[in-house]
């Protein structure tokens, strides 16, 4: 392998790793946000049910 080919292979590998790292952070954060939203909606539904 030539020097440039090795360098670009490493750069590509690092870029793919960082992409997947960002994806994991987004999925975990999104799941937490959805959980928070569902708890909030359930709380509001309970409040509305108690008022009726």
Protein backbone atom coordinates (compact mmCIF):
# COMPACT_ATOMS: atom_id res chain seq x y z
CA UNK A 1 0.00 0.00 0.00
CA UNK A 2 1.29 3.43 -0.79
CA UNK A 3 1.52 6.18 1.80
CA UNK A 4 -1.47 8.11 0.45
CA UNK A 5 -3.61 5.02 0.26
CA UNK A 6 -2.79 4.15 3.86
CA UNK A 7 -3.51 7.70 5.03
CA UNK A 8 -6.89 7.85 3.27
CA UNK A 9 -7.80 4.39 4.55
CA UNK A 10 -7.15 5.55 8.12
CA UNK A 11 -9.04 8.81 7.55
CA UNK A 12 -12.02 6.89 6.15
CA UNK A 13 -11.96 4.43 9.05
CA UNK A 14 -11.85 7.22 11.61
CA UNK A 15 -14.69 9.06 9.84
CA UNK A 16 -16.87 5.93 9.84
CA UNK A 17 -16.14 5.34 13.55
CA UNK A 18 -17.02 8.95 14.43
CA UNK A 19 -20.23 8.73 12.37
CA UNK A 20 -21.35 5.64 14.27
CA UNK A 21 -20.40 7.29 17.57
CA UNK A 22 -22.61 10.27 16.74
CA UNK A 23 -25.42 7.92 15.73
CA UNK A 24 -25.26 6.14 19.09
CA UNK A 25 -25.37 9.46 20.96
CA UNK A 26 -28.37 10.61 18.89
CA UNK A 27 -30.28 7.33 19.39
CA UNK A 28 -29.68 7.29 23.17
CA UNK A 29 -30.59 10.98 23.53
CA UNK A 30 -33.66 10.59 21.33
CA UNK A 31 -34.88 7.58 23.29
CA UNK A 32 -34.51 9.54 26.53
CA UNK A 33 -36.43 12.49 25.04
CA UNK A 34 -39.24 10.20 23.87
CA UNK A 35 -39.42 8.64 27.34
CA UNK A 36 -39.62 12.10 28.94
CA UNK A 37 -42.34 13.13 26.48
CA UNK A 38 -44.38 9.98 27.17
CA UNK A 39 -44.12 10.51 30.97
CA UNK A 40 -45.23 14.13 30.52
CA UNK A 41 -48.17 13.14 28.34
CA UNK A 42 -49.24 10.42 30.77
CA UNK A 43 -49.06 12.94 33.64
CA UNK A 44 -51.19 15.42 31.71
CA UNK A 45 -53.71 12.69 30.87
CA UNK A 46 -53.94 11.75 34.55
CA UNK A 47 -54.49 15.39 35.53
CA UNK A 48 -57.22 15.78 32.92
CA UNK A 49 -58.88 12.56 34.07
CA UNK A 50 -58.86 13.75 37.71
CA UNK A 51 -60.41 17.11 36.75
CA UNK A 52 -63.29 15.48 34.88
